[in-house]
Amino acid sequence: MADPVKPARRRYDSPRRRLQAERTRRDILDAAQRLFEGQGYATTTMAAIASEAGVALKTVYVAFETKAGVLRALWHLLLRGDQDDVPVANRSWYREVLEEPDPERLLRGVAHYSRQVKERVGAILAVIRSAADADPDVDVLWRRIQSEFYDTMRPLIEAVEARGGLAPGLDVTRGTDILWTLNHPDLWHLLVGQRGWSADEFEAWFADTLCAQLLPPATRPG
């Protein structure tokens, strides 16, 4: 008589376990952010992250595999502002700006929400930029950030053009280049990080400069 087939062991999974795993993951990312921003990427070790988070070193490796993996996960968390895995282009604030019918208000909306994002990601972007030269995995991340950043700018300029808002002589590509440059995190770092501008001052300057550079003269503010 053949042995009875044993039922497959059910994988134990509970909401409480998942919640604990999410809390542990967030603790690790919070610890990594403090260390990366406080002492730099190169100096920070996986062991230091584990110690700062109060978890075993193995837990950090299981969750993120490498230090670059920790940095990548931290970037995605700060960019999106939560743990919801939704691309920026599908975020409600981005869609709201994209659907704004008035070109000037659209550009000022870009400045407003861009300021909010940079307040979250500005410091860690500086870490990524500085680490990219020495770590190939971080360099890949930095290049992807640049590419994705440009890709999210183009639909905004297309929306301005569709509403008849682009200045004479500007096409979508040149307009996107201008928006991408003025919205680049390096400019935030220079003016806010290095020159001490407040976030409010940067947003006001950014909004006015976007309108001056991209809109027809008759519609420019002032």
Protein backbone atom coordinates (compact mmCIF):
# COMPACT_ATOMS: atom_id res chain seq x y z
CA MET A 1 0.00 0.00 0.00
CA ALA A 2 1.42 3.35 -1.02
CA ASP A 3 2.22 5.86 1.64
CA PRO A 4 -0.46 8.53 1.95
CA VAL A 5 0.45 11.83 0.38
CA LYS A 6 1.24 14.38 3.04
CA PRO A 7 -0.43 17.74 2.57
CA ALA A 8 1.94 20.56 1.68
CA ARG A 9 2.97 22.57 4.69
CA ARG A 10 1.21 25.91 4.64
CA ARG A 11 3.47 28.90 4.81
CA TYR A 12 2.82 30.78 8.00
CA ASP A 13 2.00 34.38 7.23
CA SER A 14 -0.01 36.77 9.34
CA PRO A 15 -0.82 40.47 9.28
CA ARG A 16 1.08 40.86 12.54
CA ARG A 17 4.19 39.25 11.08
CA ARG A 18 4.00 41.40 7.95
CA LEU A 19 3.53 44.53 10.03
CA GLN A 20 6.56 43.66 12.14
CA ALA A 21 8.63 43.07 9.02
CA GLU A 22 7.57 46.44 7.62
CA ARG A 23 8.47 48.16 10.90
CA THR A 24 11.86 46.49 10.96
CA ARG A 25 12.50 47.50 7.36
CA ARG A 26 11.55 51.09 8.14
CA ASP A 27 13.77 51.12 11.24
CA ILE A 28 16.70 49.98 9.10
CA LEU A 29 16.05 52.66 6.48
CA ASP A 30 15.69 55.37 9.12
CA ALA A 31 18.97 54.28 10.68
CA ALA A 32 20.68 54.21 7.29
CA GLN A 33 19.44 57.70 6.50
CA ARG A 34 20.88 59.09 9.72
CA LEU A 35 24.23 57.46 9.04
CA PHE A 36 24.45 58.19 5.33
CA GLU A 37 23.58 61.85 5.81
CA GLY A 38 25.61 62.23 8.98
CA GLN A 39 28.88 60.52 8.07
CA GLY A 40 28.65 59.69 4.38
CA TYR A 41 28.09 56.57 2.32
CA ALA A 42 31.66 55.28 2.20
CA THR A 43 32.15 55.45 5.97
CA THR A 44 28.86 53.74 6.80
CA THR A 45 28.97 49.95 7.03
CA MET A 46 26.19 47.40 7.05
CA ALA A 47 27.21 46.53 10.61
CA ALA A 48 26.84 50.16 11.63
CA ILE A 49 23.37 50.29 10.07
CA ALA A 50 22.35 47.14 11.93
CA SER A 51 23.67 48.53 15.22
CA GLU A 52 21.95 51.89 14.70
CA ALA A 53 18.66 50.14 13.88
CA GLY A 54 18.98 47.70 16.79
CA VAL A 55 18.73 44.59 14.60
CA ALA A 56 20.99 41.69 13.70
CA LEU A 57 23.40 42.20 10.82
CA LYS A 58 21.85 39.21 9.04
CA THR A 59 18.47 40.98 9.10
CA VAL A 60 19.88 43.89 7.12
CA TYR A 61 21.45 41.58 4.55
CA VAL A 62 18.28 39.51 4.17
CA ALA A 63 16.17 42.64 3.66
CA PHE A 64 18.47 44.58 1.30
CA GLU A 65 21.40 42.31 0.28
CA THR A 66 23.96 45.12 -0.13
CA LYS A 67 24.68 48.62 1.13
CA ALA A 68 23.75 49.94 -2.30
CA GLY A 69 20.45 48.07 -1.93
CA VAL A 70 19.80 49.91 1.33
CA LEU A 71 20.52 53.25 -0.35
CA ARG A 72 18.31 52.39 -3.31
CA ALA A 73 15.39 51.43 -1.06
CA LEU A 74 15.87 54.59 1.00
CA TRP A 75 15.80 56.71 -2.15
CA HIS A 76 12.53 55.18 -3.31
CA LEU A 77 10.95 55.67 0.11
CA LEU A 78 11.95 59.32 0.38
CA LEU A 79 11.02 60.10 -3.22
CA ARG A 80 7.51 58.76 -2.81
CA GLY A 81 7.03 59.89 0.76
CA ASP A 82 5.65 56.56 1.95
CA GLN A 83 6.01 52.83 1.40
CA ASP A 84 3.41 52.66 -1.37
CA ASP A 85 5.13 51.35 -4.51
CA VAL A 86 3.52 53.83 -6.89
CA PRO A 87 5.69 55.65 -9.48
CA VAL A 88 5.83 59.44 -9.30
CA ALA A 89 4.05 59.74 -12.66
CA ASN A 90 1.03 57.96 -11.15
CA ARG A 91 0.92 59.99 -7.95
CA SER A 92 -2.17 62.12 -7.38
CA TRP A 93 -0.18 65.35 -7.00
CA TYR A 94 1.60 64.77 -10.31
CA ARG A 95 -1.67 64.05 -12.11
CA GLU A 96 -3.20 67.14 -10.53
CA VAL A 97 -0.40 69.36 -11.87
CA LEU A 98 -0.51 67.65 -15.27
CA GLU A 99 -4.24 68.31 -15.63
CA GLU A 100 -4.10 72.00 -14.59
CA PRO A 101 -5.61 73.98 -17.50
CA ASP A 102 -3.71 77.23 -16.88
CA PRO A 103 -0.02 77.10 -17.97
CA GLU A 104 1.21 79.52 -15.31
CA ARG A 105 -0.59 77.73 -12.49
CA LEU A 106 0.72 74.44 -13.89
CA LEU A 107 4.33 75.66 -13.68
CA ARG A 108 3.80 77.11 -10.22
CA GLY A 109 2.36 73.76 -9.19
CA VAL A 110 5.53 72.10 -10.48
CA ALA A 111 7.59 74.45 -8.31
CA HIS A 112 5.44 73.80 -5.25
CA TYR A 113 5.47 70.03 -5.37
CA SER A 114 9.09 69.89 -6.49
CA ARG A 115 10.02 71.87 -3.39
CA GLN A 116 8.18 69.35 -1.21
CA VAL A 117 9.99 66.43 -2.83
CA LYS A 118 13.38 68.09 -2.51
CA GLU A 119 12.84 68.76 1.16
CA ARG A 120 12.54 64.98 1.57
CA VAL A 121 15.23 63.81 -0.84
CA GLY A 122 17.73 66.67 -1.10
CA ALA A 123 20.20 65.39 1.48
CA ILE A 124 20.12 61.77 0.35
CA LEU A 125 20.51 62.83 -3.28
CA ALA A 126 23.75 64.54 -2.32
CA VAL A 127 24.86 61.24 -0.76
CA ILE A 128 23.97 59.32 -3.93
CA ARG A 129 25.74 61.84 -6.15
CA SER A 130 28.95 61.74 -4.11
CA ALA A 131 28.93 57.93 -3.81
CA ALA A 132 28.31 57.30 -7.52
CA ASP A 133 31.95 57.89 -8.47
CA ALA A 134 33.20 55.13 -6.18
CA ASP A 135 30.42 52.52 -6.22
CA PRO A 136 29.25 51.10 -9.58
CA ASP A 137 25.87 50.07 -8.15
CA VAL A 138 25.24 53.57 -6.83
CA ASP A 139 26.37 54.99 -10.17
CA VAL A 140 23.67 52.92 -11.87
CA LEU A 141 21.15 54.32 -9.38
CA TRP A 142 22.30 57.90 -9.99
CA ARG A 143 22.05 57.50 -13.77
CA ARG A 144 18.58 56.00 -13.49
CA ILE A 145 17.47 58.87 -11.26
CA GLN A 146 18.64 61.35 -13.90
CA SER A 147 16.81 59.50 -16.67
CA GLU A 148 13.57 59.04 -14.74
CA PHE A 149 13.73 62.63 -13.55
CA TYR A 150 13.90 63.89 -17.15
CA ASP A 151 11.12 61.53 -18.22
CA THR A 152 8.73 62.98 -15.62
CA MET A 153 9.46 66.53 -16.79
CA ARG A 154 8.56 66.03 -20.45
CA PRO A 155 4.80 65.35 -19.99
CA LEU A 156 4.54 68.57 -17.98
CA ILE A 157 6.04 70.58 -20.83
CA GLU A 158 3.82 68.74 -23.31
CA ALA A 159 0.84 69.83 -21.21
CA VAL A 160 2.02 73.45 -21.29
CA GLU A 161 2.45 73.28 -25.06
CA ALA A 162 -1.01 71.72 -25.52
CA ARG A 163 -2.50 74.71 -23.71
CA GLY A 164 -0.65 77.16 -25.97
CA GLY A 165 1.66 78.15 -23.14
CA LEU A 166 5.18 77.67 -24.50
CA ALA A 167 7.13 80.79 -25.45
CA PRO A 168 7.79 81.39 -29.18
CA GLY A 169 10.81 79.49 -30.41
CA LEU A 170 10.57 76.79 -27.73
CA ASP A 171 9.70 73.23 -28.62
CA VAL A 172 8.94 70.45 -26.16
CA THR A 173 12.51 69.16 -26.09
CA ARG A 174 14.07 72.55 -25.37
CA GLY A 175 11.37 73.35 -22.83
CA THR A 176 11.98 70.03 -21.09
CA ASP A 177 15.71 70.73 -21.03
CA ILE A 178 15.05 74.07 -19.32
CA LEU A 179 12.63 72.59 -16.77
CA TRP A 180 14.97 69.67 -16.06
CA THR A 181 17.91 72.02 -15.51
CA LEU A 182 16.09 74.47 -13.24
CA ASN A 183 14.49 71.61 -11.34
CA HIS A 184 17.73 69.66 -10.99
CA PRO A 185 18.67 68.70 -7.41
CA ASP A 186 22.11 70.24 -7.89
CA LEU A 187 20.50 73.68 -8.06
CA TRP A 188 18.57 73.01 -4.85
CA HIS A 189 21.78 71.89 -3.20
CA LEU A 190 23.63 75.02 -4.30
CA LEU A 191 21.02 77.57 -3.29
CA VAL A 192 19.44 75.91 -0.24
CA GLY A 193 22.28 73.69 0.94
CA GLN A 194 25.23 75.96 0.18
CA ARG A 195 23.86 79.50 0.04
CA GLY A 196 21.30 79.12 2.81
CA TRP A 197 18.13 79.98 0.91
CA SER A 198 14.92 78.93 2.64
CA ALA A 199 12.63 76.44 0.95
CA ASP A 200 10.04 79.22 0.53
CA GLU A 201 12.58 81.48 -1.16
CA PHE A 202 13.65 78.71 -3.50
CA GLU A 203 10.07 77.85 -4.45
CA ALA A 204 9.21 81.49 -5.22
CA TRP A 205 12.35 81.98 -7.31
CA PHE A 206 11.89 78.66 -9.09
CA ALA A 207 8.25 79.39 -9.97
CA ASP A 208 9.01 82.90 -11.26
CA THR A 209 12.01 81.68 -13.26
CA LEU A 210 10.04 78.85 -14.85
CA CYS A 211 7.34 81.27 -15.95
CA ALA A 212 9.89 83.77 -17.27
CA GLN A 213 11.77 81.12 -19.22
CA LEU A 214 8.90 79.06 -20.59
CA LEU A 215 5.82 81.26 -21.07
CA PRO A 216 5.13 83.79 -23.84
CA PRO A 217 6.05 87.37 -22.82
CA ALA A 218 2.41 88.51 -22.64
CA THR A 219 1.56 85.86 -20.06
CA ARG A 220 4.63 86.17 -17.86
CA PRO A 221 4.05 87.46 -14.32
CA GLY A 222 5.01 91.01 -13.49
